[in-house]
């Protein structure tokens, strides 16, 4: 299924399905439907009875195999963590690899070089492409140089700038846009969310992230944000309560919380946590703008490593102790008086 906000881009690709380059890089922010776009394109390339508009029919043998995940001319390369049951950002698959190793790329050598089982296209979907480790990326380069006819590589990337420049240069890049706020809210409301605007704010505008928030997410978030505002914030106690929570989730909450503290001090507004305006207002009055800006920058930088911390418990304690120190420091304007 291609989401409605990407239908124009998808139809444009279908219009030149016989002239597609051998490698496409589908890039854009996470949670907007790039993977669904790539899957739909793969189905269209492999369908044996395409519709008049060149889309997949959904009824032929090839479409049935794609639905079952067993098409012999399709390969999907992802980190082990995405193959585990559960959402890795909610704690599932925490021990599984978050990289695509070189062995996975080498394993498709026969797939690429042998004739297709159905005499049509062969498609390799790589998601997310930035999960390729260095050796895997170099191995992929060799496959991208001169693939056999009708062999297609579909690379899906959230952080495409992390890919090797040589990989980017060998792909036609398709930038998939984020839907507008109005379109996103209308779609989310059709998914029966209780508070679409709040969920969208928490997801940073990514609709497919917003629909994944469950009751446990909201419970943990509320407990943590209330703790953030406590006059006697107990960093180690909070870290203990969060010992089973994904560090990536906690860093995300801290990043949004610190962003709201900054924006409230500068503009008086709250972006990510509109249901905690009074709490943000109270805490913003107690912290120094420069200090909270530095803390927010740390949380942004932390996103690069938080997916695979060496010691999650120590990382949580460090983050929360740093926030606790932020609360204890006296704002600089008070010194001036």
Protein backbone atom coordinates (compact mmCIF):
# COMPACT_ATOMS: atom_id res chain seq x y z
CA UNK A 1 0.00 0.00 0.00
CA UNK A 2 1.28 3.42 -0.98
CA UNK A 3 0.10 6.13 1.38
CA UNK A 4 -2.03 8.83 -0.27
CA UNK A 5 0.55 11.57 0.21
CA UNK A 6 3.00 9.64 -2.02
CA UNK A 7 0.61 8.63 -4.79
CA UNK A 8 1.90 11.24 -7.27
CA UNK A 9 5.51 10.09 -6.90
CA UNK A 10 4.47 6.45 -7.18
CA UNK A 11 2.39 6.97 -10.30
CA UNK A 12 5.28 8.86 -11.89
CA UNK A 13 7.55 5.84 -11.35
CA UNK A 14 4.92 3.45 -12.70
CA UNK A 15 4.78 5.61 -15.83
CA UNK A 16 8.41 4.71 -16.58
CA UNK A 17 8.53 1.24 -15.08
CA UNK A 18 10.29 -0.18 -18.17
CA UNK A 19 12.92 2.57 -18.03
CA UNK A 20 13.80 2.56 -14.35
CA UNK A 21 17.48 2.64 -13.41
CA UNK A 22 18.87 -0.44 -11.70
CA UNK A 23 19.15 1.34 -8.33
CA UNK A 24 16.76 3.72 -6.59
CA UNK A 25 17.41 5.47 -3.30
CA UNK A 26 14.08 6.29 -1.63
CA UNK A 27 14.91 8.88 1.00
CA UNK A 28 13.01 10.97 3.49
CA UNK A 29 12.28 11.26 7.18
CA UNK A 30 11.44 8.18 9.19
CA UNK A 31 7.81 7.21 9.66
CA UNK A 32 6.27 8.63 6.49
CA UNK A 33 5.79 5.43 4.46
CA UNK A 34 8.99 4.96 2.43
CA UNK A 35 9.12 1.22 3.10
CA UNK A 36 5.51 0.76 1.98
CA UNK A 37 6.40 2.73 -1.17
CA UNK A 38 9.37 0.43 -1.89
CA UNK A 39 7.32 -2.71 -1.27
CA UNK A 40 4.59 -1.52 -3.62
CA UNK A 41 7.17 -0.72 -6.29
CA UNK A 42 8.72 -4.19 -5.88
CA UNK A 43 5.29 -5.79 -6.31
CA UNK A 44 4.70 -3.77 -9.47
CA UNK A 45 8.07 -4.81 -10.92
CA UNK A 46 7.36 -8.50 -10.23
CA UNK A 47 3.62 -8.65 -11.01
CA UNK A 48 2.76 -10.97 -13.92
CA UNK A 49 -0.62 -9.41 -14.75
CA UNK A 50 -0.18 -5.67 -14.08
CA UNK A 51 -3.13 -3.30 -14.09
CA UNK A 52 -3.53 -0.74 -16.90
CA UNK A 53 -1.66 1.84 -14.83
CA UNK A 54 1.19 -0.68 -14.36
CA UNK A 55 0.41 -1.27 -10.67
CA UNK A 56 0.42 -4.78 -9.20
CA UNK A 57 -2.79 -6.72 -9.76
CA UNK A 58 -2.80 -8.41 -6.34
CA UNK A 59 -4.19 -11.64 -7.83
CA UNK A 60 -1.46 -13.36 -9.84
CA UNK A 61 0.96 -15.96 -8.47
CA UNK A 62 3.73 -13.37 -8.11
CA UNK A 63 1.51 -11.08 -6.04
CA UNK A 64 0.45 -14.01 -3.87
CA UNK A 65 4.08 -14.95 -3.23
CA UNK A 66 4.93 -11.36 -2.36
CA UNK A 67 2.07 -11.29 0.13
CA UNK A 68 3.42 -14.48 1.72
CA UNK A 69 7.01 -13.21 1.67
CA UNK A 70 8.17 -16.10 -0.49
CA UNK A 71 8.73 -14.74 -4.00
CA UNK A 72 11.87 -16.43 -5.40
CA UNK A 73 12.93 -13.29 -7.28
CA UNK A 74 12.69 -10.94 -4.30
CA UNK A 75 15.18 -10.42 -1.46
CA UNK A 76 14.71 -8.20 1.56
CA UNK A 77 17.85 -7.18 3.46
CA UNK A 78 17.30 -5.71 6.93
CA UNK A 79 19.01 -5.75 10.33
CA UNK A 80 18.15 -8.68 12.57
CA UNK A 81 16.51 -6.28 15.02
CA UNK A 82 13.76 -5.51 12.51
CA UNK A 83 13.07 -9.20 11.99
CA UNK A 84 12.47 -9.76 15.71
CA UNK A 85 8.93 -9.72 17.02
CA UNK A 86 7.92 -6.47 18.63
CA UNK A 87 8.99 -2.90 18.08
CA UNK A 88 12.74 -2.51 18.75
CA UNK A 89 12.16 1.03 19.96
CA UNK A 90 9.84 -0.32 22.63
CA UNK A 91 12.40 -2.82 23.89
CA UNK A 92 11.83 -5.77 21.55
CA UNK A 93 14.84 -7.23 19.76
CA UNK A 94 17.25 -5.24 21.92
CA UNK A 95 19.99 -7.88 21.62
CA UNK A 96 19.65 -8.38 17.89
CA UNK A 97 22.03 -6.65 15.52
CA UNK A 98 20.96 -3.25 14.23
CA UNK A 99 23.36 -3.46 11.28
CA UNK A 100 23.22 -5.25 7.95
CA UNK A 101 26.41 -7.34 7.91
CA UNK A 102 28.56 -8.02 4.86
CA UNK A 103 27.50 -11.68 4.87
CA UNK A 104 23.93 -10.66 4.06
CA UNK A 105 25.09 -8.70 0.99
CA UNK A 106 27.38 -11.50 -0.17
CA UNK A 107 24.57 -14.01 0.26
CA UNK A 108 22.65 -12.49 -2.66
CA UNK A 109 25.48 -12.98 -5.19
CA UNK A 110 23.81 -16.03 -6.76
CA UNK A 111 20.43 -14.30 -6.66
CA UNK A 112 21.81 -11.38 -8.65
CA UNK A 113 23.83 -13.33 -11.20
CA UNK A 114 21.48 -16.22 -11.97
CA UNK A 115 18.41 -15.94 -14.17
CA UNK A 116 15.14 -15.15 -12.44
CA UNK A 117 12.79 -18.00 -11.61
CA UNK A 118 9.84 -16.34 -13.34
CA UNK A 119 11.69 -14.74 -16.24
CA UNK A 120 10.80 -11.25 -15.11
CA UNK A 121 12.58 -8.80 -12.80
CA UNK A 122 14.66 -9.50 -9.71
CA UNK A 123 14.38 -7.05 -6.83
CA UNK A 124 16.55 -6.55 -3.74
CA UNK A 125 15.08 -4.22 -1.11
CA UNK A 126 17.51 -2.82 1.49
CA UNK A 127 16.00 -1.17 4.57
CA UNK A 128 17.26 1.01 6.12
CA UNK A 129 20.24 1.41 3.83
CA UNK A 130 22.20 3.36 6.43
CA UNK A 131 22.26 0.18 8.55
CA UNK A 132 24.84 -1.31 6.16
CA UNK A 133 28.13 -1.64 7.98
CA UNK A 134 31.29 -0.46 6.20
CA UNK A 135 32.14 -3.85 4.68
CA UNK A 136 28.54 -4.44 3.62
CA UNK A 137 28.40 -1.02 1.95
CA UNK A 138 31.58 -1.74 0.00
CA UNK A 139 30.24 -5.15 -1.04
CA UNK A 140 27.01 -3.54 -2.23
CA UNK A 141 29.01 -1.11 -4.37
CA UNK A 142 30.35 -4.00 -6.45
CA UNK A 143 26.81 -5.23 -7.08
CA UNK A 144 25.63 -1.76 -8.07
CA UNK A 145 28.33 -1.27 -10.70
CA UNK A 146 27.12 -3.64 -13.44
CA UNK A 147 24.10 -5.68 -12.38
CA UNK A 148 22.44 -8.03 -14.89
CA UNK A 149 19.48 -6.68 -16.88
CA UNK A 150 16.18 -6.31 -15.03
CA UNK A 151 17.85 -6.48 -11.62
CA UNK A 152 16.71 -3.69 -9.33
CA UNK A 153 18.02 -2.45 -6.01
CA UNK A 154 15.57 -0.44 -3.90
CA UNK A 155 17.36 1.32 -1.05
CA UNK A 156 15.22 2.91 1.67
CA UNK A 157 17.03 5.44 3.85
CA UNK A 158 16.01 7.68 6.74
CA UNK A 159 19.51 9.14 7.17
CA UNK A 160 20.73 8.97 3.58
CA UNK A 161 23.58 11.40 4.25
CA UNK A 162 25.23 8.58 6.24
CA UNK A 163 25.53 6.44 3.10
CA UNK A 164 28.79 6.31 1.20
CA UNK A 165 28.86 9.04 -1.47
CA UNK A 166 29.73 6.35 -4.02
CA UNK A 167 26.52 4.47 -3.18
CA UNK A 168 24.44 7.63 -3.44
CA UNK A 169 26.02 8.46 -6.80
CA UNK A 170 25.07 5.07 -8.25
CA UNK A 171 21.40 5.48 -7.39
CA UNK A 172 18.66 7.68 -8.70
CA UNK A 173 17.45 9.48 -5.60
CA UNK A 174 13.73 9.85 -5.00
CA UNK A 175 12.97 12.29 -2.18
CA UNK A 176 9.65 11.31 -0.63
CA UNK A 177 8.04 14.27 1.14
CA UNK A 178 6.40 14.32 4.54
CA UNK A 179 2.64 14.86 4.41
CA UNK A 180 1.29 18.24 5.44
CA UNK A 181 0.00 18.62 8.98
CA UNK A 182 -3.60 18.86 7.76
CA UNK A 183 -3.32 15.70 5.65
CA UNK A 184 -1.57 13.86 8.48
CA UNK A 185 -4.16 14.79 11.10
CA UNK A 186 -7.01 13.79 8.80
CA UNK A 187 -5.38 10.39 8.21
CA UNK A 188 -4.61 9.86 11.91
CA UNK A 189 -8.18 10.62 12.92
CA UNK A 190 -9.33 7.86 10.58
CA UNK A 191 -7.11 5.49 12.57
CA UNK A 192 -9.28 6.12 15.66
CA UNK A 193 -6.58 7.82 17.75
CA UNK A 194 -7.89 9.48 20.91
CA UNK A 195 -5.72 12.57 20.49
CA UNK A 196 -4.26 12.76 16.99
CA UNK A 197 -2.63 16.15 17.53
CA UNK A 198 -0.80 15.05 20.67
CA UNK A 199 0.33 11.79 19.06
CA UNK A 200 1.56 13.67 15.99
CA UNK A 201 3.48 16.09 18.20
CA UNK A 202 5.14 13.23 20.06
CA UNK A 203 6.03 11.60 16.75
CA UNK A 204 7.64 14.77 15.42
CA UNK A 205 5.15 14.90 12.55
CA UNK A 206 5.69 11.28 11.41
CA UNK A 207 2.24 9.63 11.04
CA UNK A 208 3.43 6.01 11.03
CA UNK A 209 5.28 6.60 14.29
CA UNK A 210 2.24 8.26 15.86
CA UNK A 211 -0.06 5.28 15.25
CA UNK A 212 2.31 2.92 17.11
CA UNK A 213 1.98 4.65 20.48
CA UNK A 214 0.12 2.31 22.81
CA UNK A 215 -1.30 2.69 26.34
CA UNK A 216 2.01 1.66 27.91
CA UNK A 217 3.83 4.38 25.97
CA UNK A 218 1.51 7.09 27.28
CA UNK A 219 1.69 5.72 30.82
CA UNK A 220 5.51 5.71 30.86
CA UNK A 221 5.71 9.13 29.24
CA UNK A 222 3.30 10.70 31.73
CA UNK A 223 5.14 9.23 34.69
CA UNK A 224 8.49 10.46 33.40
CA UNK A 225 7.34 14.00 32.55
CA UNK A 226 5.78 14.37 35.99
CA UNK A 227 9.06 13.23 37.50
CA UNK A 228 10.97 15.78 35.39
CA UNK A 229 9.11 18.59 37.11
CA UNK A 230 9.54 17.39 40.69
CA UNK A 231 11.40 19.77 42.98
CA UNK A 232 13.27 16.80 44.45
CA UNK A 233 13.94 15.01 41.14
CA UNK A 234 15.57 11.67 41.99
CA UNK A 235 17.69 10.75 38.97
CA UNK A 236 18.80 7.33 40.23
CA UNK A 237 15.31 6.42 41.40
CA UNK A 238 13.83 7.33 38.02
CA UNK A 239 16.60 5.39 36.25
CA UNK A 240 15.69 2.35 38.33
CA UNK A 241 12.02 2.62 37.32
CA UNK A 242 13.06 2.87 33.68
CA UNK A 243 15.45 -0.10 33.73
CA UNK A 244 13.21 -2.07 31.34
CA UNK A 245 12.60 0.89 29.01
CA UNK A 246 14.50 1.37 25.78
CA UNK A 247 17.20 4.07 26.17
CA UNK A 248 16.22 5.34 22.71
CA UNK A 249 12.73 6.04 24.02
CA UNK A 250 14.03 7.91 27.06
CA UNK A 251 16.44 9.99 24.97
CA UNK A 252 13.55 10.85 22.66
CA UNK A 253 11.46 12.06 25.61
CA UNK A 254 14.36 14.09 26.99
CA UNK A 255 15.02 15.61 23.57
CA UNK A 256 11.39 16.69 23.16
CA UNK A 257 11.19 17.91 26.77
CA UNK A 258 14.35 20.01 26.51
CA UNK A 259 13.20 21.42 23.17
CA UNK A 260 9.96 22.55 24.79
CA UNK A 261 11.90 24.17 27.66
CA UNK A 262 13.96 26.13 25.14
CA UNK A 263 11.02 27.21 22.98
CA UNK A 264 8.97 28.18 26.02
CA UNK A 265 11.76 30.36 27.39
CA UNK A 266 12.23 32.04 23.99
CA UNK A 267 8.67 32.21 22.59
CA UNK A 268 6.36 31.11 25.41
CA UNK A 269 5.14 28.16 23.31
CA UNK A 270 5.20 24.39 23.78
CA UNK A 271 5.56 22.16 20.73
CA UNK A 272 5.88 18.48 21.67
CA UNK A 273 4.07 18.31 25.01
CA UNK A 274 0.97 20.53 24.82
CA UNK A 275 -0.71 18.46 27.55
CA UNK A 276 2.07 19.48 29.97
CA UNK A 277 2.10 23.23 29.35
CA UNK A 278 1.83 24.11 33.05
CA UNK A 279 4.63 21.71 33.91
CA UNK A 280 6.90 23.00 31.14
CA UNK A 281 6.20 26.57 32.27
CA UNK A 282 7.15 25.73 35.84
CA UNK A 283 10.39 23.98 34.94
CA UNK A 284 11.38 26.57 32.30
CA UNK A 285 11.34 29.24 35.00
CA UNK A 286 13.90 27.23 36.99
CA UNK A 287 16.49 26.53 34.29
CA UNK A 288 19.01 28.63 32.45
CA UNK A 289 18.50 29.02 28.68
CA UNK A 290 22.13 28.36 27.75
CA UNK A 291 22.29 25.31 29.99
CA UNK A 292 19.12 23.80 28.59
CA UNK A 293 20.28 24.52 25.03
CA UNK A 294 23.47 22.60 25.72
CA UNK A 295 21.49 19.73 27.21
CA UNK A 296 19.18 19.62 24.20
CA UNK A 297 22.18 19.53 21.87
CA UNK A 298 23.54 16.59 23.85
CA UNK A 299 20.27 14.72 23.40
CA UNK A 300 20.34 15.34 19.64
CA UNK A 301 23.90 14.02 19.45
CA UNK A 302 22.97 11.07 21.66
CA UNK A 303 20.52 9.84 18.99
CA UNK A 304 23.51 8.65 16.95
CA UNK A 305 24.67 6.12 19.53
CA UNK A 306 21.65 5.37 21.71
CA UNK A 307 20.46 2.47 19.53
CA UNK A 308 23.31 0.27 20.73
CA UNK A 309 24.63 1.45 24.13
CA UNK A 310 27.30 -0.65 25.81
CA UNK A 311 25.53 -0.41 29.17
CA UNK A 312 21.92 0.85 28.97
CA UNK A 313 21.56 1.24 32.76
CA UNK A 314 24.68 3.41 33.09
CA UNK A 315 23.58 5.47 30.08
CA UNK A 316 20.17 6.17 31.66
CA UNK A 317 21.76 7.14 34.96
CA UNK A 318 24.17 9.48 33.19
CA UNK A 319 21.38 11.18 31.21
CA UNK A 320 19.13 11.66 34.22
CA UNK A 321 21.96 12.85 36.49
CA UNK A 322 22.86 15.41 33.83
CA UNK A 323 19.25 16.60 33.76
CA UNK A 324 19.17 16.71 37.55
CA UNK A 325 22.22 18.98 37.55
CA UNK A 326 20.43 21.22 35.05
CA UNK A 327 17.57 21.69 37.53
CA UNK A 328 19.91 22.55 40.40
CA UNK A 329 21.80 25.29 38.61
CA UNK A 330 20.56 28.85 39.15
CA UNK A 331 19.61 30.74 35.96
CA UNK A 332 22.24 33.31 35.01
CA UNK A 333 19.78 36.23 35.08
CA UNK A 334 19.38 35.71 38.81
CA UNK A 335 23.12 36.19 39.28
CA UNK A 336 22.93 39.53 37.49
CA UNK A 337 20.45 40.88 40.03
